[in-house]
Amino acid sequence: MPKILFFFLLFFSQNSFANELEGTYLPDPNYVTYNTIDGLSNSIVTAITQDLNGIMWFGTEEGLNRFDGNKFVTYRYAGSKNNALSGIRITALHIDKFNNLWIGTASGGLNLYRRETDDFLNFSIKNSRLTDNSITTIVSDDDHVWIGTTKGLNKLSLKTNEITLVELLTKKNKTNSTLSISALIKTAKDTLWVGTKSGLLKYNFINNTNDFFTKENSKLSSNLVTNLYFDSNNDLWVATEFGLNKFTLNCSCFKAYLSIPNNKNTIPNNFVIAITESKDGTLWIGTNRGTATYIPMIIENTLFSNKSVDF
C-alpha cells in the first residue's frame, strides 16, 4: 500500500486567535479535515504514527484509530475485558523495527497491537513489572522497547516481552527509580537520552552508565524537559518549560535560547513544546505562544524568525 501523508492542523476556537489569523490564509484543497463525523473517535488528537504498511494510527482523548486512507476503525477502552485497549486516553504511539504498534495510555499501562487477532496484549503494574500505568513516551532499538512513565524508565525485551526497571544515577552513587520521564530519544547504538522533570540524562545502555545534566551543574535553562530532537548536524535540542537548549556532542556543552519580548529574532515564548527539522535543514520550534524557525549557520550568529499569537 502506498505511503499516506497527512497534515493535521489543530485549531483552538478562541476569538483573539481567530482575529489574528483572519484574512491571512486561503482555503487549500490539499488539506482535508477529519473529525468524529468521519469516524474519528475523538477530535482531540494526542499522538500520530504511520506503520510500515502505510496505515495511519491516531491516538485521541477517547481511544485509538486506524485509518487506511478511506475509513477509520476505532478501538476504545473496554473496562476489564481481556485483550482490549486498556486505557481511555492515548499518550504515545510507536512502531518498532518489526512493525509492531506500541500504545501508551494515561492510566491503563502499555498495549501491543496484534494484527493477526486484531486485539491487544496488555502490560500493567498488575500483570508485569511495569512501574506505573501512566505512559508518557515510547522508543525502541533492535532489542528493546524503552518506556517512559511518570515513575521511572522501563525496558521491555522484544524477545521475551519481559519488563525491567532501569536504575538511573541522579547523584553520585545514588540511583533514582521514580523519575518522571517526559521524553526519550536514541541517538547512537549505545545511547539513550532521557528527558525528565528533574533534568536530562545521557544513558549508555550497553555498560549501564549515565550522565545527569541539570541547571545546577550545567547551562541547561530548566530542569523540566518537555521534548528532545536530534538534528542532521548531530546536535541535540532540548525543549524545556523555560527555554530551548542546544547540546553539542563534541564539547558536551549547552547553549540556551530564550525569548526576548518584542524581539522577532528570538523564540516567541520560553515554554517550548515541539521541535522538528525540514528537508532543507531548517528547525521548526513550537511554543505555547507561536512558532519559530532556525537556520543553522557555519558561524554561530543565530537568528530566529517567529510568529507569535497572543491569547
Protein backbone atom coordinates (compact mmCIF):
# COMPACT_ATOMS: atom_id res chain seq x y z
CA MET A 1 0.00 0.00 0.00
CA PRO A 2 1.47 3.43 -0.87
CA LYS A 3 2.52 5.65 1.96
CA ILE A 4 -0.13 8.11 3.09
CA LEU A 5 0.93 11.59 4.14
CA PHE A 6 -1.35 13.73 6.21
CA PHE A 7 -1.06 17.21 7.64
CA PHE A 8 -3.25 17.80 10.65
CA LEU A 9 -3.88 21.29 11.98
CA LEU A 10 -5.27 21.76 15.45
CA PHE A 11 -7.21 24.98 15.89
CA PHE A 12 -8.33 26.37 19.22
CA SER A 13 -11.57 28.32 18.89
CA GLN A 14 -10.53 31.45 20.69
CA ASN A 15 -11.63 34.81 19.38
CA SER A 16 -8.27 36.52 19.69
CA PHE A 17 -6.58 33.72 17.75
CA ALA A 18 -9.26 33.83 15.06
CA ASN A 19 -8.87 37.59 14.74
CA GLU A 20 -5.11 37.22 14.44
CA LEU A 21 -5.47 34.80 11.55
CA GLU A 22 -8.44 36.43 9.84
CA GLY A 23 -7.74 37.17 6.19
CA THR A 24 -4.23 35.72 6.26
CA TYR A 25 -4.96 32.20 4.97
CA LEU A 26 -6.92 30.99 1.97
CA PRO A 27 -8.61 27.60 1.55
CA ASP A 28 -6.20 24.94 0.29
CA PRO A 29 -7.59 21.82 -1.43
CA ASN A 30 -4.52 19.86 -0.32
CA TYR A 31 -5.78 19.91 3.27
CA VAL A 32 -8.54 17.58 4.39
CA THR A 33 -10.04 17.76 7.86
CA TYR A 34 -11.23 14.63 9.68
CA ASN A 35 -13.33 14.63 12.84
CA THR A 36 -15.86 12.50 14.68
CA ILE A 37 -18.37 12.80 11.83
CA ASP A 38 -15.85 10.99 9.62
CA GLY A 39 -15.35 8.23 12.20
CA LEU A 40 -12.55 9.59 14.40
CA SER A 41 -13.23 8.52 17.99
CA ASN A 42 -12.48 11.99 19.40
CA SER A 43 -11.48 15.31 17.85
CA ILE A 44 -8.60 15.86 20.28
CA VAL A 45 -5.67 14.01 18.70
CA THR A 46 -2.85 13.25 21.16
CA ALA A 47 -0.48 11.04 19.13
CA ILE A 48 0.11 10.11 15.46
CA THR A 49 2.23 7.47 13.75
CA GLN A 50 2.37 5.51 10.50
CA ASP A 51 3.21 1.82 10.29
CA LEU A 52 5.37 0.13 7.66
CA ASN A 53 2.26 -0.80 5.66
CA GLY A 54 1.30 2.84 5.25
CA ILE A 55 -1.58 2.70 7.74
CA MET A 56 -2.05 5.83 9.86
CA TRP A 57 -2.72 5.47 13.59
CA PHE A 58 -4.20 8.23 15.73
CA GLY A 59 -4.37 8.34 19.49
CA THR A 60 -7.05 10.56 20.96
CA GLU A 61 -8.59 11.54 24.27
CA GLU A 62 -11.01 8.66 23.76
CA GLY A 63 -9.40 5.74 22.04
CA LEU A 64 -7.19 4.59 19.18
CA ASN A 65 -7.97 4.97 15.47
CA ARG A 66 -6.70 3.13 12.38
CA PHE A 67 -7.02 4.87 9.02
CA ASP A 68 -6.28 3.28 5.64
CA GLY A 69 -6.99 6.39 3.57
CA ASN A 70 -10.67 5.58 3.17
CA LYS A 71 -12.21 4.80 6.54
CA PHE A 72 -11.49 4.79 10.27
CA VAL A 73 -11.56 1.76 12.53
CA THR A 74 -11.75 2.69 16.20
CA TYR A 75 -10.60 0.88 19.33
CA ARG A 76 -11.97 2.01 22.67
CA TYR A 77 -11.41 1.24 26.31
CA ALA A 78 -13.47 -1.78 27.31
CA GLY A 79 -13.03 -1.90 31.07
CA SER A 80 -11.57 -5.14 32.40
CA LYS A 81 -12.18 -7.07 29.17
CA ASN A 82 -9.15 -9.17 28.25
CA ASN A 83 -7.09 -8.26 25.17
CA ALA A 84 -8.91 -4.97 24.65
CA LEU A 85 -7.46 -1.47 24.75
CA SER A 86 -6.59 -0.91 28.41
CA GLY A 87 -6.92 2.86 28.68
CA ILE A 88 -9.14 5.73 27.59
CA ARG A 89 -6.65 8.48 26.75
CA ILE A 90 -3.78 7.62 24.39
CA THR A 91 -0.50 9.33 25.27
CA ALA A 92 2.09 7.68 22.99
CA LEU A 93 2.30 5.64 19.77
CA HIS A 94 5.41 3.89 18.44
CA ILE A 95 6.26 1.49 15.59
CA ASP A 96 9.28 -0.75 16.19
CA LYS A 97 11.53 -2.37 13.56
CA PHE A 98 9.22 -5.40 13.39
CA ASN A 99 6.24 -3.13 12.54
CA ASN A 100 4.71 -3.70 15.97
CA LEU A 101 2.47 -0.91 17.20
CA TRP A 102 3.01 0.04 20.85
CA ILE A 103 0.38 2.16 22.58
CA GLY A 104 0.86 4.12 25.78
CA THR A 105 -2.12 5.24 27.82
CA ALA A 106 -2.61 7.83 30.54
CA SER A 107 -3.75 5.37 33.20
CA GLY A 108 -4.09 1.88 31.68
CA GLY A 109 -0.48 0.96 31.03
CA LEU A 110 1.11 -0.28 27.80
CA ASN A 111 -0.55 -2.10 24.89
CA LEU A 112 0.83 -4.11 21.98
CA TYR A 113 -1.50 -4.30 18.97
CA ARG A 114 -1.70 -7.82 17.47
CA ARG A 115 -2.64 -7.70 13.79
CA GLU A 116 -3.27 -11.43 13.48
CA THR A 117 -6.08 -11.35 16.03
CA ASP A 118 -6.94 -7.64 15.85
CA ASP A 119 -6.62 -7.25 19.61
CA PHE A 120 -4.13 -6.10 22.24
CA LEU A 121 -1.62 -7.57 24.64
CA ASN A 122 -1.75 -5.54 27.84
CA PHE A 123 1.06 -4.66 30.25
CA SER A 124 0.27 -3.04 33.58
CA ILE A 125 1.54 -2.87 37.15
CA LYS A 126 -0.75 -5.82 37.91
CA ASN A 127 0.48 -8.33 35.32
CA SER A 128 4.07 -7.18 34.69
CA ARG A 129 6.98 -5.31 36.26
CA LEU A 130 5.88 -2.03 34.71
CA THR A 131 6.50 0.64 37.35
CA ASP A 132 3.49 2.84 36.54
CA ASN A 133 0.37 2.72 34.38
CA SER A 134 0.85 6.31 33.18
CA ILE A 135 2.93 6.05 29.98
CA THR A 136 4.49 9.26 28.68
CA THR A 137 6.77 8.25 25.77
CA ILE A 138 8.00 5.16 23.87
CA VAL A 139 11.06 4.48 21.67
CA SER A 140 12.84 1.29 20.61
CA ASP A 141 16.13 -0.19 19.38
CA ASP A 142 16.91 -3.56 17.83
CA ASP A 143 16.36 -5.47 21.08
CA HIS A 144 14.22 -3.38 23.42
CA VAL A 145 11.28 -1.06 23.76
CA TRP A 146 12.02 1.81 26.13
CA ILE A 147 9.00 3.01 28.06
CA GLY A 148 8.86 6.34 29.87
CA THR A 149 6.41 6.58 32.76
CA THR A 150 5.66 9.07 35.49
CA LYS A 151 7.51 6.75 37.87
CA GLY A 152 10.67 5.74 36.07
CA LEU A 153 12.17 4.31 32.89
CA ASN A 154 11.24 0.75 31.88
CA LYS A 155 12.84 -1.61 29.37
CA LEU A 156 10.89 -4.33 27.54
CA SER A 157 12.72 -7.18 25.80
CA LEU A 158 11.45 -7.75 22.25
CA LYS A 159 12.43 -11.42 22.60
CA THR A 160 10.61 -12.24 25.83
CA ASN A 161 8.24 -9.29 26.46
CA GLU A 162 9.73 -9.08 29.95
CA ILE A 163 9.81 -5.61 31.50
CA THR A 164 12.52 -4.37 33.86
CA LEU A 165 13.14 -1.09 35.64
CA VAL A 166 16.18 0.94 34.56
CA GLU A 167 18.08 2.37 37.52
CA LEU A 168 19.45 5.83 36.71
CA LEU A 169 22.05 7.78 38.68
CA THR A 170 20.97 11.31 39.55
CA LYS A 171 23.56 11.93 42.25
CA LYS A 172 26.96 10.43 42.97
CA ASN A 173 26.44 6.75 43.75
CA LYS A 174 22.70 7.32 44.21
CA THR A 175 20.01 5.96 41.91
CA ASN A 176 16.52 7.32 41.38
CA SER A 177 13.95 4.80 40.16
CA THR A 178 10.95 7.15 40.35
CA LEU A 179 11.96 9.87 37.90
CA SER A 180 9.05 11.29 35.92
CA ILE A 181 10.07 10.67 32.30
CA SER A 182 8.91 13.25 29.74
CA ALA A 183 10.91 12.47 26.58
CA LEU A 184 13.16 9.76 25.09
CA ILE A 185 15.39 9.72 22.03
CA LYS A 186 18.00 7.21 20.85
CA THR A 187 20.97 8.87 19.12
CA ALA A 188 23.61 6.13 18.84
CA LYS A 189 23.93 2.35 19.06
CA ASP A 190 24.51 2.63 22.78
CA THR A 191 22.97 5.97 23.80
CA LEU A 192 19.52 6.87 25.04
CA TRP A 193 18.74 10.45 26.05
CA VAL A 194 16.16 10.69 28.81
CA GLY A 195 14.25 13.90 29.46
CA THR A 196 12.68 14.19 32.90
CA LYS A 197 11.01 16.75 35.13
CA SER A 198 14.26 16.85 37.11
CA GLY A 199 16.83 17.24 34.32
CA LEU A 200 18.39 15.45 31.34
CA LEU A 201 20.21 12.11 31.33
CA LYS A 202 22.59 10.60 28.79
CA TYR A 203 22.25 6.85 29.32
CA ASN A 204 24.66 4.25 27.91
CA PHE A 205 22.56 1.10 27.91
CA ILE A 206 25.45 -1.16 26.93
CA ASN A 207 27.56 -0.55 30.05
CA ASN A 208 24.64 0.78 32.15
CA THR A 209 26.11 4.19 33.00
CA ASN A 210 24.67 7.66 32.69
CA ASP A 211 25.46 11.37 32.96
CA PHE A 212 22.92 13.68 34.59
CA PHE A 213 22.57 17.31 33.50
CA THR A 214 20.65 19.94 35.44
CA LYS A 215 20.56 23.73 35.50
CA GLU A 216 22.61 23.50 38.70
CA ASN A 217 25.55 21.58 37.19
CA SER A 218 25.37 22.79 33.55
CA LYS A 219 23.95 25.59 31.41
CA LEU A 220 20.64 23.79 30.87
CA SER A 221 18.00 26.53 31.15
CA SER A 222 15.44 24.45 33.08
CA ASN A 223 15.22 21.03 34.70
CA LEU A 224 11.75 20.35 33.30
CA VAL A 225 12.38 18.83 29.87
CA THR A 226 9.37 18.74 27.54
CA ASN A 227 10.84 17.33 24.31
CA LEU A 228 14.06 16.14 22.62
CA TYR A 229 15.21 16.28 18.99
CA PHE A 230 18.44 15.18 17.30
CA ASP A 231 19.16 17.15 14.10
CA SER A 232 21.14 16.44 10.94
CA ASN A 233 24.16 18.34 12.32
CA ASN A 234 24.44 15.88 15.25
CA ASP A 235 23.20 18.43 17.75
CA LEU A 236 20.68 17.52 20.43
CA TRP A 237 17.92 20.06 21.01
CA VAL A 238 16.34 20.09 24.45
CA ALA A 239 12.97 21.77 24.84
CA THR A 240 12.08 22.86 28.37
CA GLU A 241 9.45 24.82 30.24
CA PHE A 242 11.89 27.75 30.24
CA GLY A 243 13.82 27.97 27.01
CA LEU A 244 15.32 25.98 24.17
CA ASN A 245 18.75 24.38 24.57
CA LYS A 246 21.28 23.02 22.08
CA PHE A 247 23.63 20.33 23.33
CA THR A 248 26.74 19.92 21.18
CA LEU A 249 28.14 16.41 21.43
CA ASN A 250 31.73 17.40 20.62
CA CYS A 251 32.07 19.62 23.68
CA SER A 252 29.24 18.21 25.83
CA CYS A 253 28.06 21.77 26.34
CA PHE A 254 24.72 23.58 26.28
CA LYS A 255 23.68 26.84 24.69
CA ALA A 256 20.34 28.27 25.78
CA TYR A 257 17.98 30.29 23.59
CA LEU A 258 15.44 32.39 25.46
CA SER A 259 12.57 34.62 24.44
CA ILE A 260 13.04 38.38 24.49
CA PRO A 261 9.77 40.36 24.49
CA ASN A 262 9.02 42.16 21.21
CA ASN A 263 12.12 40.67 19.55
CA LYS A 264 11.20 38.67 16.43
CA ASN A 265 14.69 37.18 16.27
CA THR A 266 14.15 35.09 19.39
CA ILE A 267 11.75 32.26 20.17
CA PRO A 268 8.22 33.64 20.79
CA ASN A 269 7.88 32.10 24.24
CA ASN A 270 10.08 30.20 26.68
CA PHE A 271 7.69 27.26 27.10
CA VAL A 272 8.93 25.08 24.22
CA ILE A 273 6.78 22.09 23.28
CA ALA A 274 7.83 20.70 19.89
CA ILE A 275 10.88 20.58 17.60
CA THR A 276 11.34 19.14 14.12
CA GLU A 277 13.54 19.65 11.06
CA SER A 278 12.55 20.14 7.41
CA LYS A 279 14.45 18.69 4.46
CA ASP A 280 16.40 21.93 3.91
CA GLY A 281 17.83 21.78 7.44
CA THR A 282 15.54 24.41 8.94
CA LEU A 283 14.49 23.72 12.51
CA TRP A 284 10.91 24.44 13.48
CA ILE A 285 10.20 25.19 17.12
CA GLY A 286 6.72 25.14 18.62
CA THR A 287 5.92 27.05 21.82
CA ASN A 288 2.72 27.81 23.66
CA ARG A 289 2.65 31.25 22.03
CA GLY A 290 3.62 30.50 18.45
CA THR A 291 6.33 29.02 16.26
CA ALA A 292 9.88 29.91 15.26
CA THR A 293 12.28 28.78 12.55
CA TYR A 294 16.04 28.47 12.90
CA ILE A 295 18.58 28.03 10.10
CA PRO A 296 21.96 26.73 11.37
CA MET A 297 24.94 28.77 10.21
CA ILE A 298 28.61 27.90 9.93
CA ILE A 299 29.40 30.93 12.07
CA GLU A 300 27.35 30.95 15.24
CA ASN A 301 25.24 34.06 14.70
CA THR A 302 21.82 32.64 15.28
CA LEU A 303 18.66 34.44 14.29
CA PHE A 304 15.18 33.07 14.86
CA SER A 305 12.17 34.07 12.81
CA ASN A 306 8.96 33.69 14.74
CA LYS A 307 5.23 34.08 14.52
CA SER A 308 3.62 34.58 17.88
CA VAL A 309 -0.04 34.68 18.82
CA ASP A 310 -1.43 36.33 21.94
CA PHE A 311 -4.39 34.55 23.51
